[in-house]
Amino acid sequence: MTTKTIVRPEIETGVWTLDKSHTKVGFVAKHLMVTKVRGHFESYDANVVVAEDLTQSEIHVKIDPSSITTGAEDRDNHLRSNDFFDVENHPSIEFVSTAIEPDGDGFRITGDLMVRGTTHPLTLAAAYEGSGVDPWGNTHVGFSATARINREDWGLTWNAALEGGGWLVSKEITLEIEGQLVRP
């Protein structure tokens, strides 16, 4: 069996952080089984250590679930409550990578996702979007990543049955991350 080494596309080795003004950590859920509702977290941090062989790189992300926003204050407060994220008892969501592997033109980033004190493996489909240097000489690297999860696996089980069948909130959630890394 041969192993495939990921060729590092224009990314310098070393420590990188998120450029928060050009990053969005979001999600999509269905409401009433007919409409997509999008939300995102406004407070998060990440450290990425890029190795010469990208498969040996490390990613650690920490999200403040109390910073959730969906554009509806009542819904956001409900998501912060014990019915969902229980932010009083679980003040962070964390992801720590355990493997990075080539996948076609992109990557599979596998790691442990901890939500509400429950940890399960998560695999993100990721893509390198390019790099550039800003007018102040800082190098930025663009990326995107997505995954579909069953929120109930992490204890996010609140729901309401609909009279005509189905559920108020979908069990399947799509995670969507668009961002930039920058050298500190």
Protein backbone atom coordinates (compact mmCIF):
# COMPACT_ATOMS: atom_id res chain seq x y z
CA MET A 1 0.00 0.00 0.00
CA THR A 2 1.38 3.38 -0.95
CA THR A 3 0.68 6.53 0.97
CA LYS A 4 -0.01 9.76 -0.81
CA THR A 5 1.80 12.84 0.44
CA ILE A 6 -0.05 16.11 0.18
CA VAL A 7 1.96 18.69 -1.67
CA ARG A 8 1.89 21.90 0.36
CA PRO A 9 0.31 24.52 -1.97
CA GLU A 10 2.15 27.79 -1.28
CA ILE A 11 1.66 27.53 2.50
CA GLU A 12 4.69 28.24 4.67
CA THR A 13 5.32 25.88 7.55
CA GLY A 14 4.76 27.19 11.05
CA VAL A 15 1.97 28.67 13.17
CA TRP A 16 -1.01 30.41 11.55
CA THR A 17 -4.08 32.05 13.12
CA LEU A 18 -7.49 32.98 11.78
CA ASP A 19 -7.99 36.35 10.16
CA LYS A 20 -11.34 36.86 11.91
CA SER A 21 -12.43 39.74 9.70
CA HIS A 22 -12.36 37.36 6.71
CA THR A 23 -13.60 34.15 8.34
CA LYS A 24 -17.09 32.81 9.01
CA VAL A 25 -17.88 29.74 11.11
CA GLY A 26 -21.46 28.89 10.27
CA PHE A 27 -24.15 26.26 9.97
CA VAL A 28 -27.40 25.50 8.16
CA ALA A 29 -30.47 23.76 9.62
CA LYS A 30 -33.93 23.23 8.20
CA HIS A 31 -36.97 24.78 9.89
CA LEU A 32 -40.37 23.10 9.46
CA MET A 33 -38.55 20.80 7.03
CA VAL A 34 -39.01 23.41 4.27
CA THR A 35 -36.72 26.39 4.90
CA LYS A 36 -32.98 26.65 5.47
CA VAL A 37 -31.97 28.75 8.45
CA ARG A 38 -28.36 29.95 8.53
CA GLY A 39 -26.41 31.01 11.56
CA HIS A 40 -22.85 31.60 12.64
CA PHE A 41 -20.67 32.15 15.67
CA GLU A 42 -19.15 35.58 16.19
CA SER A 43 -16.48 34.55 18.72
CA TYR A 44 -13.94 31.82 17.97
CA ASP A 45 -10.23 31.23 17.82
CA ALA A 46 -8.00 28.78 15.99
CA ASN A 47 -4.37 27.84 15.82
CA VAL A 48 -3.01 25.94 12.86
CA VAL A 49 0.48 24.49 12.79
CA VAL A 50 1.44 23.73 9.19
CA ALA A 51 4.01 20.96 8.81
CA GLU A 52 6.25 20.32 5.80
CA ASP A 53 4.04 17.29 5.11
CA LEU A 54 0.49 18.67 5.48
CA THR A 55 -0.72 15.32 6.81
CA GLN A 56 1.30 16.09 9.94
CA SER A 57 -0.26 19.55 10.45
CA GLU A 58 -2.37 20.35 13.53
CA ILE A 59 -5.59 22.35 13.92
CA HIS A 60 -7.24 23.45 17.16
CA VAL A 61 -10.45 25.51 17.08
CA LYS A 62 -12.33 26.92 20.07
CA ILE A 63 -15.79 28.48 19.62
CA ASP A 64 -17.85 30.45 22.13
CA PRO A 65 -21.41 29.09 21.66
CA SER A 66 -22.91 32.10 23.45
CA SER A 67 -21.87 34.14 20.38
CA ILE A 68 -24.36 32.32 18.14
CA THR A 69 -26.42 34.49 15.84
CA THR A 70 -29.15 33.51 13.39
CA GLY A 71 -30.78 36.90 12.93
CA ALA A 72 -33.60 36.18 15.42
CA GLU A 73 -32.94 37.10 19.06
CA ASP A 74 -35.56 34.70 20.50
CA ARG A 75 -34.13 31.80 18.49
CA ASP A 76 -30.56 32.72 19.48
CA ASN A 77 -31.53 32.77 23.16
CA HIS A 78 -33.24 29.38 22.77
CA LEU A 79 -30.08 27.97 21.13
CA ARG A 80 -28.01 29.25 24.09
CA SER A 81 -30.38 27.58 26.59
CA ASN A 82 -30.23 24.10 28.10
CA ASP A 83 -32.43 22.86 25.21
CA PHE A 84 -29.45 23.24 22.88
CA PHE A 85 -25.92 24.48 23.69
CA ASP A 86 -26.41 25.06 27.45
CA VAL A 87 -23.79 27.81 27.38
CA GLU A 88 -23.85 28.32 31.17
CA ASN A 89 -22.50 24.80 31.73
CA HIS A 90 -20.66 24.34 28.43
CA PRO A 91 -18.89 27.60 27.53
CA SER A 92 -16.93 26.25 24.56
CA ILE A 93 -17.13 24.08 21.47
CA GLU A 94 -13.76 22.62 20.47
CA PHE A 95 -12.30 20.81 17.49
CA VAL A 96 -8.86 19.19 17.54
CA SER A 97 -7.58 17.55 14.37
CA THR A 98 -6.38 13.96 14.42
CA ALA A 99 -5.70 13.38 10.70
CA ILE A 100 -5.38 15.33 7.47
CA GLU A 101 -5.55 13.32 4.25
CA PRO A 102 -5.68 14.11 0.53
CA ASP A 103 -9.11 13.80 -1.09
CA GLY A 104 -9.19 14.55 -4.80
CA ASP A 105 -8.30 18.23 -5.21
CA GLY A 106 -8.92 18.89 -1.51
CA PHE A 107 -8.41 17.40 1.92
CA ARG A 108 -10.26 15.44 4.57
CA ILE A 109 -9.66 16.89 8.00
CA THR A 110 -10.69 14.48 10.74
CA GLY A 111 -10.73 15.39 14.38
CA ASP A 112 -12.58 15.31 17.65
CA LEU A 113 -15.51 17.74 18.01
CA MET A 114 -16.66 18.48 21.55
CA VAL A 115 -20.11 20.03 22.04
CA ARG A 116 -21.97 20.13 25.38
CA GLY A 117 -19.21 17.99 26.93
CA THR A 118 -19.73 15.21 24.37
CA THR A 119 -16.92 14.36 21.95
CA HIS A 120 -17.30 12.51 18.65
CA PRO A 121 -15.14 12.27 15.54
CA LEU A 122 -15.90 14.70 12.73
CA THR A 123 -14.56 14.74 9.18
CA LEU A 124 -14.57 17.97 7.20
CA ALA A 125 -14.23 18.18 3.42
CA ALA A 126 -11.74 21.03 2.99
CA ALA A 127 -10.35 22.97 0.07
CA TYR A 128 -7.38 25.29 -0.33
CA GLU A 129 -8.72 28.47 -1.99
CA GLY A 130 -5.41 30.23 -2.65
CA SER A 131 -3.02 32.66 -1.01
CA GLY A 132 -2.12 36.31 -1.29
CA VAL A 133 -0.21 39.11 0.34
CA ASP A 134 -2.11 42.15 1.65
CA PRO A 135 -0.85 45.74 1.17
CA TRP A 136 0.94 45.55 4.55
CA GLY A 137 3.00 42.50 3.61
CA ASN A 138 0.97 39.88 5.54
CA THR A 139 0.47 36.50 3.84
CA HIS A 140 -3.09 35.13 3.88
CA VAL A 141 -4.28 31.64 2.94
CA GLY A 142 -7.92 31.02 2.01
CA PHE A 143 -9.77 27.81 2.77
CA SER A 144 -13.26 26.36 2.96
CA ALA A 145 -14.59 23.33 4.83
CA THR A 146 -17.96 21.61 5.17
CA ALA A 147 -19.47 18.64 6.99
CA ARG A 148 -22.90 17.23 7.70
CA ILE A 149 -23.63 16.06 11.21
CA ASN A 150 -26.53 14.69 13.22
CA ARG A 151 -26.85 17.25 16.02
CA GLU A 152 -28.40 14.63 18.31
CA ASP A 153 -25.06 12.80 18.45
CA TRP A 154 -23.81 15.74 20.55
CA GLY A 155 -26.84 15.94 22.85
CA LEU A 156 -28.66 18.66 20.91
CA THR A 157 -31.93 16.73 20.98
CA TRP A 158 -34.67 19.33 21.56
CA ASN A 159 -37.36 19.27 18.91
CA ALA A 160 -41.11 19.52 18.35
CA ALA A 161 -43.16 17.14 16.20
CA LEU A 162 -45.20 18.77 13.45
CA GLU A 163 -48.89 18.01 13.13
CA GLY A 164 -48.51 16.97 9.49
CA GLY A 165 -45.40 14.86 10.20
CA GLY A 166 -41.76 15.74 10.45
CA TRP A 167 -39.94 17.96 12.89
CA LEU A 168 -39.62 21.67 13.67
CA VAL A 169 -35.81 21.53 13.45
CA SER A 170 -33.81 19.16 11.26
CA LYS A 171 -31.55 16.65 12.93
CA GLU A 172 -29.00 17.06 10.13
CA ILE A 173 -26.92 20.21 10.30
CA THR A 174 -24.47 21.38 7.66
CA LEU A 175 -21.33 23.05 8.98
CA GLU A 176 -19.86 25.71 6.69
CA ILE A 177 -16.51 27.37 7.26
CA GLU A 178 -15.03 30.00 4.97
CA GLY A 179 -11.89 31.70 6.06
CA GLN A 180 -8.40 32.96 5.90
CA LEU A 181 -5.30 32.09 7.86
CA VAL A 182 -2.62 34.69 8.51
CA ARG A 183 0.87 34.48 9.95
CA PRO A 184 0.95 36.02 13.46
